[in-house]
Protein backbone atom coordinates (compact mmCIF):
# COMPACT_ATOMS: atom_id res chain seq x y z
CA MET A 1 -12.59 7.77 -18.24
CA LEU A 2 -9.66 5.17 -17.93
CA GLU A 3 -7.28 8.81 -17.66
CA LEU A 4 -9.65 9.76 -15.10
CA ALA A 5 -9.11 6.44 -12.99
CA ALA A 6 -5.27 5.50 -13.92
CA LEU A 7 -4.41 9.03 -12.40
CA GLY A 8 -6.90 8.69 -9.37
CA LEU A 9 -5.47 5.35 -8.35
CA LEU A 10 -1.67 6.94 -9.00
CA LEU A 11 -2.71 9.93 -6.59
CA LYS A 12 -3.09 7.26 -3.98
CA LYS A 13 0.50 5.74 -4.66
CA PRO A 14 2.75 5.09 -7.14
CA LEU A 15 2.15 1.64 -9.30
CA HIS A 16 3.73 -0.44 -11.94
CA GLY A 17 1.47 -1.04 -15.10
CA TYR A 18 0.32 -4.26 -14.11
CA ARG A 19 -0.57 -3.63 -10.85
CA LEU A 20 -2.68 -0.58 -12.19
CA LYS A 21 -4.33 -2.82 -14.19
CA GLN A 22 -5.03 -5.04 -11.60
CA GLN A 23 -6.44 -2.09 -9.44
CA LEU A 24 -8.39 -0.86 -12.43
CA GLU A 25 -9.70 -4.08 -12.87
CA LYS A 26 -10.63 -4.27 -9.15
CA PHE A 27 -12.00 -1.04 -8.67
CA MET A 28 -13.55 -0.18 -11.96
CA SER A 29 -14.31 -3.11 -14.02
CA GLY A 30 -18.05 -2.39 -13.98
CA CYS A 31 -17.69 0.82 -15.38
CA ILE A 32 -14.86 0.76 -17.90
CA SER A 33 -13.07 -1.74 -19.95
CA VAL A 34 -9.57 -2.26 -19.18
CA ASN A 35 -7.18 -4.21 -20.77
CA TYR A 36 -3.38 -4.08 -21.40
CA GLY A 37 -3.94 -2.69 -24.88
CA ALA A 38 -5.14 0.70 -23.33
CA ILE A 39 -3.08 0.95 -20.27
CA TYR A 40 0.37 1.22 -21.98
CA PRO A 41 -0.48 3.76 -24.72
CA LEU A 42 -2.41 5.42 -22.10
CA LEU A 43 0.88 5.51 -19.24
CA LYS A 44 3.21 6.82 -22.11
CA ARG A 45 0.66 9.61 -23.06
CA LEU A 46 0.16 10.52 -19.62
CA GLU A 47 4.36 10.47 -19.44
CA LYS A 48 4.51 12.82 -22.47
CA GLN A 49 2.21 15.21 -21.15
CA GLY A 50 3.94 15.37 -17.74
CA TYR A 51 1.14 13.99 -15.96
CA ILE A 52 3.24 11.22 -14.67
CA LYS A 53 6.73 10.24 -14.44
CA THR A 54 8.34 6.91 -14.13
CA GLN A 55 11.06 5.38 -12.07
CA GLU A 56 13.08 2.29 -12.90
CA LEU A 57 13.12 -0.31 -9.96
CA THR A 58 15.30 -3.16 -9.84
CA ASP A 59 13.81 -6.10 -8.33
CA GLY A 60 16.49 -8.75 -8.25
CA ASP A 61 17.32 -9.53 -12.10
CA SER A 62 14.52 -7.43 -13.03
CA ASN A 63 13.96 -3.90 -13.76
CA ARG A 64 10.09 -2.46 -13.53
CA LYS A 65 8.83 0.97 -14.39
CA VAL A 66 6.82 2.09 -11.46
CA TYR A 67 4.61 5.36 -12.69
CA GLN A 68 4.23 8.21 -10.16
CA ILE A 69 1.48 11.30 -10.84
CA THR A 70 3.17 14.41 -11.12
CA LYS A 71 1.85 18.13 -9.61
CA LEU A 72 0.57 18.69 -13.34
CA GLY A 73 -1.11 15.20 -13.23
CA HIS A 74 -2.96 15.52 -9.92
CA ASP A 75 -4.08 19.09 -11.46
CA ARG A 76 -5.47 17.41 -14.32
CA TRP A 77 -7.39 14.74 -12.41
CA ARG A 78 -8.92 17.51 -10.27
CA GLN A 79 -10.11 19.39 -13.31
CA LYS A 80 -11.35 15.77 -14.65
CA MET A 81 -12.90 15.29 -11.65
CA LEU A 82 -14.89 18.63 -11.24
CA ALA A 83 -15.91 18.50 -14.99
CA HIS A 84 -19.24 17.99 -16.07
CA PRO A 85 -18.87 16.89 -19.71
CA HIS A 86 -21.87 16.05 -21.77
CA GLU A 87 -22.08 12.74 -22.92
CA SER A 88 -24.33 9.48 -22.76
CA TRP A 89 -26.46 8.60 -20.04
CA VAL A 90 -24.42 5.22 -20.11
CA ASN A 91 -21.14 7.14 -19.67
CA SER A 92 -22.28 9.70 -17.39
CA ARG A 93 -23.37 6.90 -15.02
CA SER A 94 -20.07 5.35 -15.29
CA ARG A 95 -17.78 8.58 -14.89
CA PHE A 96 -20.04 9.42 -11.78
CA ILE A 97 -19.39 5.70 -10.11
CA ILE A 98 -15.83 6.19 -11.17
CA LYS A 99 -15.54 9.78 -9.50
CA PHE A 100 -17.37 8.43 -6.76
CA CYS A 101 -14.23 6.14 -6.08
CA PHE A 102 -12.05 8.85 -5.32
CA PHE A 103 -14.33 11.07 -3.54
CA SER A 104 -12.15 10.69 -0.52
CA GLN A 105 -9.78 13.16 -2.33
CA LEU A 106 -12.27 15.80 -2.66
CA GLN A 107 -13.77 18.36 -0.17
CA PRO A 108 -17.01 17.64 1.38
CA ALA A 109 -18.28 20.74 -0.88
CA GLU A 110 -16.84 19.56 -3.83
CA ARG A 111 -18.41 15.99 -3.41
CA ILE A 112 -21.76 17.40 -2.45
CA ARG A 113 -21.50 19.44 -5.79
CA LEU A 114 -21.11 16.81 -8.04
CA MET A 115 -23.74 14.12 -6.10
CA GLN A 116 -26.37 17.13 -6.59
CA SER A 117 -25.20 17.58 -10.24
CA ARG A 118 -25.77 13.46 -10.82
CA LEU A 119 -29.27 13.75 -8.76
CA MET A 120 -30.44 16.27 -10.97
CA THR A 121 -29.49 14.36 -14.05
CA CYS A 122 -31.10 11.40 -12.53
CA GLN A 123 -34.58 13.15 -11.89
CA LEU A 124 -34.88 15.03 -15.29
CA ARG A 125 -34.19 11.59 -16.72
CA LEU A 126 -36.82 9.97 -14.42
CA GLU A 127 -39.35 12.60 -15.33
CA SER A 128 -38.50 12.14 -18.73
CA ARG A 129 -38.96 8.40 -18.90
CA ASP A 130 -41.98 8.32 -16.82
CA SER A 131 -43.68 11.18 -19.25
CA GLN A 132 -42.63 8.51 -22.20
CA LEU A 133 -44.09 5.68 -20.23
CA VAL A 134 -47.62 7.61 -20.25
CA GLU A 135 -47.59 9.02 -23.45
CA SER A 136 -46.79 5.90 -25.25
CA SER A 137 -47.98 2.42 -24.54
CA VAL A 138 -45.46 -0.38 -24.75
CA ASP A 139 -46.95 -2.94 -26.53
CA ASP A 140 -43.92 -5.51 -26.51
CA GLU A 141 -44.08 -7.24 -22.99
CA TYR A 142 -40.20 -7.22 -22.78
CA GLN A 143 -39.67 -3.80 -23.56
CA ALA A 144 -42.01 -2.93 -20.73
CA ILE A 145 -40.35 -4.73 -18.61
CA ALA A 146 -36.81 -3.45 -19.50
CA LEU A 147 -38.47 -0.06 -19.02
CA GLN A 148 -40.16 -0.39 -15.79
CA ARG A 149 -36.41 -1.96 -14.59
CA HIS A 150 -34.61 1.10 -15.48
CA LEU A 151 -37.31 3.69 -13.95
CA ALA A 152 -36.97 1.40 -10.63
CA ASN A 153 -32.39 1.74 -11.15
CA LEU A 154 -33.34 5.25 -11.53
CA ARG A 155 -35.49 5.76 -8.44
CA PHE A 156 -32.89 3.73 -6.65
CA GLU A 157 -30.09 5.93 -7.46
CA ILE A 158 -31.97 8.79 -6.79
CA GLU A 159 -32.54 7.77 -3.24
CA TRP A 160 -29.19 6.37 -2.92
CA LEU A 161 -28.00 9.81 -3.85
CA LYS A 162 -30.07 11.82 -1.68
CA GLU A 163 -28.82 9.69 1.23
CA GLN A 164 -25.31 10.10 0.24
CA ILE A 165 -25.84 14.18 0.01
CA GLN A 166 -27.54 14.11 3.48
CA ARG A 167 -24.43 12.23 4.75
CA GLU A 168 -21.88 14.61 3.79
CA GLN A 169 -24.30 17.45 4.78
CA VAL A 170 -24.24 16.22 8.36
CA ASP A 171 -20.68 15.49 8.17
CA LEU A 172 -20.10 18.69 6.84
CA LYS A 173 -21.92 20.67 9.28
CA PRO A 174 -19.90 20.01 12.40
CA ASN A 175 -16.73 21.68 10.90
CA GLN A 176 -19.41 24.84 9.54
CA ASP A 177 -20.15 25.08 13.29
CA ALA A 178 -16.74 24.96 14.49
CA ILE A 179 -15.69 27.79 11.88
CA ALA A 180 -18.65 29.47 12.78
CA THR A 181 -17.70 29.28 16.63
CA TYR A 182 -13.94 30.30 16.00
CA LEU A 183 -15.08 33.24 13.92
CA HIS A 184 -17.00 34.70 17.06
CA LEU A 185 -14.45 34.22 19.46
C-alpha cells in the first residue's frame, strides 16, 4: 500500500523524501503507518525498478534528491490502482481509501468499477456478519457492542459508496449524452 500511495503522490508532482513522508502522513496516516525506516528503502527499490528517478537539486549550501515518477512508474501505479488483490478485510479497507485519494487520476468508469467492487465486498461482509449475529447470541456485552459498531460502520460505508457511485454516474451522464449527440450528427 505504501508503494501505491508514494507513486500516487509522485504522480502529482516530484517530491524530496521528507516532503513525501509529510504528504503520506497528511493524506494516508489513517490507512498506513508511515515512518522513515520504510520510506527511503522504498524509494531506493522504486528507483532500482525504474518506477522513479532522482534529480539532485541544490538549495543554497545543501543538495537534495527529488524523486520523480517515470512512465514505467505511472504504469505500475495504474496497475496497482485497478487491481483487486485478495487480502484481509482491514487491508482491503485501507487500500480502498488510499485509492480513493487518487481517484482524480482515473477515468469515471474506472472509479465506478472500483467503488462497485468495494460496495459488493461490504455488502457481502454485512450479510455474513448479520447472519453470524442471528445464528449465535453474543453473551459478552462488550463483544456485542463492538459487533454492533462494526455493523453500523459497514452500513455507513455502503450508503456512502452508493452516494459516490451515484455522483459519478451523474457526472458521467453529460459526457455520454454529448458523445451520443456527436455520433448522431
